[in-house]
Each structure stands twice: as C-alpha cells, then as structure tokens.
Amino acid sequence: MEKKTLGYALTGSFCTFEKTIAEMARLREMDYDLLPIMSENAYSTSTRFGKARDIVTRVENICGKSVIHTIPGAEPIGPKSMCDLLVVAPCTGNTLSKIALGITDTPVTMAVKSQLRIGAPVLLAVASNDALGASAENIAKLLNRKNIYFVPMRQDAPAEKPNSLVADFTAIPDSVKKALDHIQSQPVFQ
C-alpha cells in the first residue's frame, strides 16, 4: 500500500494539545507521513498547558518537518496535492465556524480551503465550549458538506458546560482510515 500523507493542523484548544499530540505520534508510528500546520495562536501562544516553543518543537520532532504557520505557507497544500487527508485536531468552534462560512484568514482555514478545492478529504476533531450553542449550526452545515468528516465527539462535562463538545481523540487513527475511504465514522455523537 502506498504511504499516505496527512496534514495535521492544530488550533487554539490548548487544553487538548496533549491528547492530540499523542495521537499525532501514534499516526507517525503507523507509518503515515505527517505535515504539521498550526494556527497563529496555536503556534505562538504560551499557556498554562505549555510553552509555545516547546509544543512546536515536539510537533516538529514527531513529524520530521517544520510547522506551516502562515497563510502563504498553507496555500499550496491543495494545488501541490501535499496531503491525502487533512486532519484538524483540535478544531475550535472559531475555526469550525470559519470553515462552515468559507472564511480563510488563518493558516488552518487556508489549508482546509486548499485541500477542499482539489476534492480531498478533511477530518475535524471538534473541541469547543460552544459546539452545542453558537457553533451548532456550523456543525450541521459541515455534516452535509462533501469531503468533510468528523471524529466522533461527546459532551465532555454536560453539567458544568452544557454546550461543550470534544472529539474522542483516541478515535483519530480509525477516523483517518475511514475518511481516506470517504466514510464518516459512526456514531458521530457518542
């Protein structure tokens, strides 16, 4: 089987970085070639969950490539067929909404637009405190969009955060295999 290249994009749900980076490493161990992409905020913001430079270094070490972190850097992803699949993990409500509305103002949204323009699949791992609130209509829009797939997700703390959804990051490898075959992992909502 031909080795597949995955774009792996991170946006600003910093509390999920440990989980998504662990899955990134698992995908690398499964012999996928990985192209790292980060939003400006994910690339440059240090938080209580880690220093930006340390996170970027970890991602680059796993992938063996420099992180794409600019809009011009992400634009050729589609035209040059750089990825068989683009994974956005975590995909914040902000990024999700921009994708649904066709807004291309970050490296990650540019990567998604670039990937979709060639008819290649995109897999979203949602992590948003407003996914069942302001972002719910955008999830619905994207569920009906061609070449967009979701990692199964669930409410992470319904009593404290009733509008919050987070992807099951451990389901990313299985969801990748399915999305490469243009199949949506089920159930979408656990």
C-alpha atoms as a PDB file:
ATOM      1  CA  MET A   1       0.000   0.000   0.000  1.00  0.00           C
ATOM      2  CA  GLU A   2       1.214   3.474  -0.864  1.00  0.00           C
ATOM      3  CA  LYS A   3       2.294   5.589   2.107  1.00  0.00           C
ATOM      4  CA  LYS A   4      -0.288   8.305   2.860  1.00  0.00           C
ATOM      5  CA  THR A   5       0.486  11.896   3.799  1.00  0.00           C
ATOM      6  CA  LEU A   6      -1.678  13.568   6.404  1.00  0.00           C
ATOM      7  CA  GLY A   7      -1.773  17.271   7.035  1.00  0.00           C
ATOM      8  CA  TYR A   8      -2.183  17.610  10.811  1.00  0.00           C
ATOM      9  CA  ALA A   9      -3.427  21.030  11.893  1.00  0.00           C
ATOM     10  CA  LEU A  10      -3.738  22.355  15.448  1.00  0.00           C
ATOM     11  CA  THR A  11      -5.884  25.298  16.514  1.00  0.00           C
ATOM     12  CA  GLY A  12      -6.177  27.014  19.898  1.00  0.00           C
ATOM     13  CA  SER A  13      -7.890  24.481  22.163  1.00  0.00           C
ATOM     14  CA  PHE A  14      -4.737  24.366  24.269  1.00  0.00           C
ATOM     15  CA  CYS A  15      -6.190  22.038  26.913  1.00  0.00           C
ATOM     16  CA  THR A  16      -6.418  19.273  24.283  1.00  0.00           C
ATOM     17  CA  PHE A  17      -2.863  19.571  22.950  1.00  0.00           C
ATOM     18  CA  GLU A  18      -1.519  16.646  24.991  1.00  0.00           C
ATOM     19  CA  LYS A  19      -4.228  14.351  23.632  1.00  0.00           C
ATOM     20  CA  THR A  20      -3.866  15.442  20.022  1.00  0.00           C
ATOM     21  CA  ILE A  21      -0.061  15.314  20.064  1.00  0.00           C
ATOM     22  CA  ALA A  22      -0.260  11.764  21.455  1.00  0.00           C
ATOM     23  CA  GLU A  23      -2.473  10.782  18.504  1.00  0.00           C
ATOM     24  CA  MET A  24      -0.138  12.561  16.101  1.00  0.00           C
ATOM     25  CA  ALA A  25       2.691  10.382  17.437  1.00  0.00           C
ATOM     26  CA  ARG A  26       0.511   7.272  17.065  1.00  0.00           C
ATOM     27  CA  LEU A  27      -0.201   8.121  13.434  1.00  0.00           C
ATOM     28  CA  ARG A  28       3.513   8.582  12.820  1.00  0.00           C
ATOM     29  CA  GLU A  29       4.141   5.144  14.353  1.00  0.00           C
ATOM     30  CA  MET A  30       1.517   3.769  11.959  1.00  0.00           C
ATOM     31  CA  ASP A  31       3.836   4.987   9.160  1.00  0.00           C
ATOM     32  CA  TYR A  32       1.829   7.969   7.957  1.00  0.00           C
ATOM     33  CA  ASP A  33       3.871  10.883   6.661  1.00  0.00           C
ATOM     34  CA  LEU A  34       2.758  13.981   8.601  1.00  0.00           C
ATOM     35  CA  LEU A  35       2.739  17.618   7.511  1.00  0.00           C
ATOM     36  CA  PRO A  36       2.280  19.844  10.602  1.00  0.00           C
ATOM     37  CA  ILE A  37       0.171  23.012  10.402  1.00  0.00           C
ATOM     38  CA  MET A  38      -0.731  25.389  13.220  1.00  0.00           C
ATOM     39  CA  SER A  39      -2.870  28.491  13.539  1.00  0.00           C
ATOM     40  CA  GLU A  40      -1.003  31.630  14.544  1.00  0.00           C
ATOM     41  CA  ASN A  41      -2.374  31.364  18.079  1.00  0.00           C
ATOM     42  CA  ALA A  42      -1.528  27.685  18.456  1.00  0.00           C
ATOM     43  CA  TYR A  43       1.967  28.367  17.090  1.00  0.00           C
ATOM     44  CA  SER A  44       2.833  31.402  19.199  1.00  0.00           C
ATOM     45  CA  THR A  45       0.791  31.397  22.425  1.00  0.00           C
ATOM     46  CA  SER A  46       2.227  30.028  25.656  1.00  0.00           C
ATOM     47  CA  THR A  47      -0.396  28.947  28.193  1.00  0.00           C
ATOM     48  CA  ARG A  48      -0.626  27.018  31.436  1.00  0.00           C
ATOM     49  CA  PHE A  49      -0.724  23.927  29.202  1.00  0.00           C
ATOM     50  CA  GLY A  50       2.754  24.569  27.806  1.00  0.00           C
ATOM     51  CA  LYS A  51       5.189  26.976  26.241  1.00  0.00           C
ATOM     52  CA  ALA A  52       4.575  27.624  22.563  1.00  0.00           C
ATOM     53  CA  ARG A  53       8.176  26.932  21.536  1.00  0.00           C
ATOM     54  CA  ASP A  54       8.195  23.585  23.387  1.00  0.00           C
ATOM     55  CA  ILE A  55       4.954  22.488  21.737  1.00  0.00           C
ATOM     56  CA  VAL A  56       6.157  23.488  18.268  1.00  0.00           C
ATOM     57  CA  THR A  57       9.419  21.597  18.857  1.00  0.00           C
ATOM     58  CA  ARG A  58       7.530  18.445  19.927  1.00  0.00           C
ATOM     59  CA  VAL A  59       5.283  18.620  16.865  1.00  0.00           C
ATOM     60  CA  GLU A  60       8.235  19.160  14.520  1.00  0.00           C
ATOM     61  CA  ASN A  61      10.154  16.280  16.103  1.00  0.00           C
ATOM     62  CA  ILE A  62       7.206  13.904  15.661  1.00  0.00           C
ATOM     63  CA  CYS A  63       6.550  14.966  12.075  1.00  0.00           C
ATOM     64  CA  GLY A  64      10.156  15.467  10.996  1.00  0.00           C
ATOM     65  CA  LYS A  65       9.146  18.720   9.291  1.00  0.00           C
ATOM     66  CA  SER A  66       8.810  22.396  10.127  1.00  0.00           C
ATOM     67  CA  VAL A  67       5.342  23.595  11.095  1.00  0.00           C
ATOM     68  CA  ILE A  68       3.437  25.546   8.457  1.00  0.00           C
ATOM     69  CA  HIS A  69       2.177  28.585  10.376  1.00  0.00           C
ATOM     70  CA  THR A  70       1.440  31.227   7.759  1.00  0.00           C
ATOM     71  CA  ILE A  71      -1.320  31.665   5.200  1.00  0.00           C
ATOM     72  CA  PRO A  72       1.154  31.741   2.248  1.00  0.00           C
ATOM     73  CA  GLY A  73       2.742  28.545   3.610  1.00  0.00           C
ATOM     74  CA  ALA A  74      -0.618  26.757   3.699  1.00  0.00           C
ATOM     75  CA  GLU A  75      -1.967  27.931   0.324  1.00  0.00           C
ATOM     76  CA  PRO A  76      -0.070  25.386  -1.852  1.00  0.00           C
ATOM     77  CA  ILE A  77      -1.322  22.354   0.128  1.00  0.00           C
ATOM     78  CA  GLY A  78      -4.145  21.685  -2.335  1.00  0.00           C
ATOM     79  CA  PRO A  79      -2.645  22.777  -5.649  1.00  0.00           C
ATOM     80  CA  LYS A  80       0.524  20.755  -4.961  1.00  0.00           C
ATOM     81  CA  SER A  81      -1.511  17.777  -3.636  1.00  0.00           C
ATOM     82  CA  MET A  82       0.610  17.772  -0.493  1.00  0.00           C
ATOM     83  CA  CYS A  83      -1.876  15.745   1.627  1.00  0.00           C
ATOM     84  CA  ASP A  84      -4.102  12.752   1.067  1.00  0.00           C
ATOM     85  CA  LEU A  85      -6.137  13.904   4.080  1.00  0.00           C
ATOM     86  CA  LEU A  86      -6.096  16.989   6.282  1.00  0.00           C
ATOM     87  CA  VAL A  87      -6.812  16.464   9.987  1.00  0.00           C
ATOM     88  CA  VAL A  88      -7.754  19.485  12.132  1.00  0.00           C
ATOM     89  CA  ALA A  89      -7.271  18.387  15.730  1.00  0.00           C
ATOM     90  CA  PRO A  90      -8.249  20.229  17.788  1.00  0.00           C
ATOM     91  CA  CYS A  91     -10.774  22.157  15.730  1.00  0.00           C
ATOM     92  CA  THR A  92     -12.108  25.030  17.823  1.00  0.00           C
ATOM     93  CA  GLY A  93     -15.591  26.475  17.437  1.00  0.00           C
ATOM     94  CA  ASN A  94     -13.986  29.544  15.900  1.00  0.00           C
ATOM     95  CA  THR A  95     -12.175  27.524  13.232  1.00  0.00           C
ATOM     96  CA  LEU A  96     -15.222  25.299  12.679  1.00  0.00           C
ATOM     97  CA  SER A  97     -17.392  28.361  12.065  1.00  0.00           C
ATOM     98  CA  LYS A  98     -14.881  29.892   9.679  1.00  0.00           C
ATOM     99  CA  ILE A  99     -14.714  26.649   7.684  1.00  0.00           C
ATOM    100  CA  ALA A 100     -18.524  26.482   7.503  1.00  0.00           C
ATOM    101  CA  LEU A 101     -18.726  30.087   6.305  1.00  0.00           C
ATOM    102  CA  GLY A 102     -15.768  29.922   3.898  1.00  0.00           C
ATOM    103  CA  ILE A 103     -13.624  32.375   5.857  1.00  0.00           C
ATOM    104  CA  THR A 104      -9.946  31.952   5.071  1.00  0.00           C
ATOM    105  CA  ASP A 105      -7.933  34.115   7.450  1.00  0.00           C
ATOM    106  CA  THR A 106      -5.620  31.669   9.257  1.00  0.00           C
ATOM    107  CA  PRO A 107      -3.089  29.058   8.109  1.00  0.00           C
ATOM    108  CA  VAL A 108      -5.505  26.283   9.163  1.00  0.00           C
ATOM    109  CA  THR A 109      -8.548  27.670   7.348  1.00  0.00           C
ATOM    110  CA  MET A 110      -6.362  28.241   4.281  1.00  0.00           C
ATOM    111  CA  ALA A 111      -5.135  24.634   4.489  1.00  0.00           C
ATOM    112  CA  VAL A 112      -8.748  23.410   4.663  1.00  0.00           C
ATOM    113  CA  LYS A 113      -9.831  25.585   1.729  1.00  0.00           C
ATOM    114  CA  SER A 114      -6.806  24.478  -0.268  1.00  0.00           C
ATOM    115  CA  GLN A 115      -7.495  20.797   0.469  1.00  0.00           C
ATOM    116  CA  LEU A 116     -11.196  21.044  -0.371  1.00  0.00           C
ATOM    117  CA  ARG A 117     -10.582  22.856  -3.636  1.00  0.00           C
ATOM    118  CA  ILE A 118      -8.995  19.675  -5.030  1.00  0.00           C
ATOM    119  CA  GLY A 119     -11.757  17.436  -3.650  1.00  0.00           C
ATOM    120  CA  ALA A 120      -9.559  15.872  -0.973  1.00  0.00           C
ATOM    121  CA  PRO A 121     -10.958  14.910   2.457  1.00  0.00           C
ATOM    122  CA  VAL A 122     -10.775  16.938   5.673  1.00  0.00           C
ATOM    123  CA  LEU A 123     -11.266  15.377   9.123  1.00  0.00           C
ATOM    124  CA  LEU A 124     -12.329  17.626  12.017  1.00  0.00           C
ATOM    125  CA  ALA A 125     -11.785  16.788  15.707  1.00  0.00           C
ATOM    126  CA  VAL A 126     -14.019  19.321  17.447  1.00  0.00           C
ATOM    127  CA  ALA A 127     -13.061  20.799  20.815  1.00  0.00           C
ATOM    128  CA  SER A 128     -15.374  23.677  21.645  1.00  0.00           C
ATOM    129  CA  ASN A 129     -17.225  25.035  24.661  1.00  0.00           C
ATOM    130  CA  ASP A 130     -19.953  26.397  22.353  1.00  0.00           C
ATOM    131  CA  ALA A 131     -20.393  23.462  19.950  1.00  0.00           C
ATOM    132  CA  LEU A 132     -23.994  22.920  21.060  1.00  0.00           C
ATOM    133  CA  GLY A 133     -24.601  26.666  21.246  1.00  0.00           C
ATOM    134  CA  ALA A 134     -23.390  29.233  18.727  1.00  0.00           C
ATOM    135  CA  SER A 135     -21.381  26.679  16.716  1.00  0.00           C
ATOM    136  CA  ALA A 136     -24.130  24.037  16.460  1.00  0.00           C
ATOM    137  CA  GLU A 137     -25.494  25.385  13.186  1.00  0.00           C
ATOM    138  CA  ASN A 138     -21.997  25.264  11.708  1.00  0.00           C
ATOM    139  CA  ILE A 139     -21.548  21.622  12.690  1.00  0.00           C
ATOM    140  CA  ALA A 140     -24.872  20.915  10.956  1.00  0.00           C
ATOM    141  CA  LYS A 141     -23.712  22.748   7.828  1.00  0.00           C
ATOM    142  CA  LEU A 142     -20.469  20.807   7.725  1.00  0.00           C
ATOM    143  CA  LEU A 143     -22.141  17.439   8.326  1.00  0.00           C
ATOM    144  CA  ASN A 144     -23.803  17.970   4.945  1.00  0.00           C
ATOM    145  CA  ARG A 145     -20.694  19.204   3.146  1.00  0.00           C
ATOM    146  CA  LYS A 146     -18.848  16.955   0.724  1.00  0.00           C
ATOM    147  CA  ASN A 147     -15.365  15.811   1.819  1.00  0.00           C
ATOM    148  CA  ILE A 148     -15.788  16.968   5.442  1.00  0.00           C
ATOM    149  CA  TYR A 149     -15.688  14.247   8.106  1.00  0.00           C
ATOM    150  CA  PHE A 150     -15.808  14.348  11.895  1.00  0.00           C
ATOM    151  CA  VAL A 151     -14.003  12.409  14.593  1.00  0.00           C
ATOM    152  CA  PRO A 152     -16.733  11.061  16.927  1.00  0.00           C
ATOM    153  CA  MET A 153     -17.478  13.558  19.709  1.00  0.00           C
ATOM    154  CA  ARG A 154     -19.291  13.775  23.017  1.00  0.00           C
ATOM    155  CA  GLN A 155     -20.278  16.232  25.710  1.00  0.00           C
ATOM    156  CA  ASP A 156     -17.267  16.381  27.992  1.00  0.00           C
ATOM    157  CA  ALA A 157     -18.873  17.955  31.086  1.00  0.00           C
ATOM    158  CA  PRO A 158     -22.622  18.396  30.462  1.00  0.00           C
ATOM    159  CA  ALA A 159     -23.491  19.602  33.970  1.00  0.00           C
ATOM    160  CA  GLU A 160     -20.782  22.299  34.036  1.00  0.00           C
ATOM    161  CA  LYS A 161     -20.557  23.075  30.305  1.00  0.00           C
ATOM    162  CA  PRO A 162     -23.831  22.058  28.633  1.00  0.00           C
ATOM    163  CA  ASN A 163     -22.826  23.432  25.202  1.00  0.00           C
ATOM    164  CA  SER A 164     -19.372  21.832  25.121  1.00  0.00           C
ATOM    165  CA  LEU A 165     -18.363  19.008  22.772  1.00  0.00           C
ATOM    166  CA  VAL A 166     -14.988  17.374  22.450  1.00  0.00           C
ATOM    167  CA  ALA A 167     -13.780  14.753  19.989  1.00  0.00           C
ATOM    168  CA  ASP A 168     -12.653  11.350  21.154  1.00  0.00           C
ATOM    169  CA  PHE A 169      -9.019  11.945  20.220  1.00  0.00           C
ATOM    170  CA  THR A 170      -8.237   8.227  20.567  1.00  0.00           C
ATOM    171  CA  ALA A 171     -10.605   7.665  17.615  1.00  0.00           C
ATOM    172  CA  ILE A 172      -8.459   9.791  15.280  1.00  0.00           C
ATOM    173  CA  PRO A 173      -6.496   6.879  13.733  1.00  0.00           C
ATOM    174  CA  ASP A 174      -9.656   4.906  12.932  1.00  0.00           C
ATOM    175  CA  SER A 175     -11.391   8.061  11.671  1.00  0.00           C
ATOM    176  CA  VAL A 176      -8.377   8.794   9.441  1.00  0.00           C
ATOM    177  CA  LYS A 177      -8.647   5.360   7.800  1.00  0.00           C
ATOM    178  CA  LYS A 178     -12.362   5.846   7.199  1.00  0.00           C
ATOM    179  CA  ALA A 179     -12.081   9.426   5.930  1.00  0.00           C
ATOM    180  CA  LEU A 180      -9.396   8.320   3.465  1.00  0.00           C
ATOM    181  CA  ASP A 181     -12.090   5.986   2.089  1.00  0.00           C
ATOM    182  CA  HIS A 182     -14.686   8.805   2.251  1.00  0.00           C
ATOM    183  CA  ILE A 183     -16.599   7.171   5.109  1.00  0.00           C
ATOM    184  CA  GLN A 184     -17.885   9.042   8.179  1.00  0.00           C
ATOM    185  CA  SER A 185     -17.057   7.297  11.496  1.00  0.00           C
ATOM    186  CA  GLN A 186     -20.194   6.366  13.411  1.00  0.00           C
ATOM    187  CA  PRO A 187     -21.719   7.306  15.706  1.00  0.00           C
ATOM    188  CA  VAL A 188     -20.784  10.948  15.175  1.00  0.00           C
ATOM    189  CA  PHE A 189     -22.135  11.834  18.626  1.00  0.00           C
ATOM    190  CA  GLN A 190     -21.361   9.359  21.390  1.00  0.00           C
END
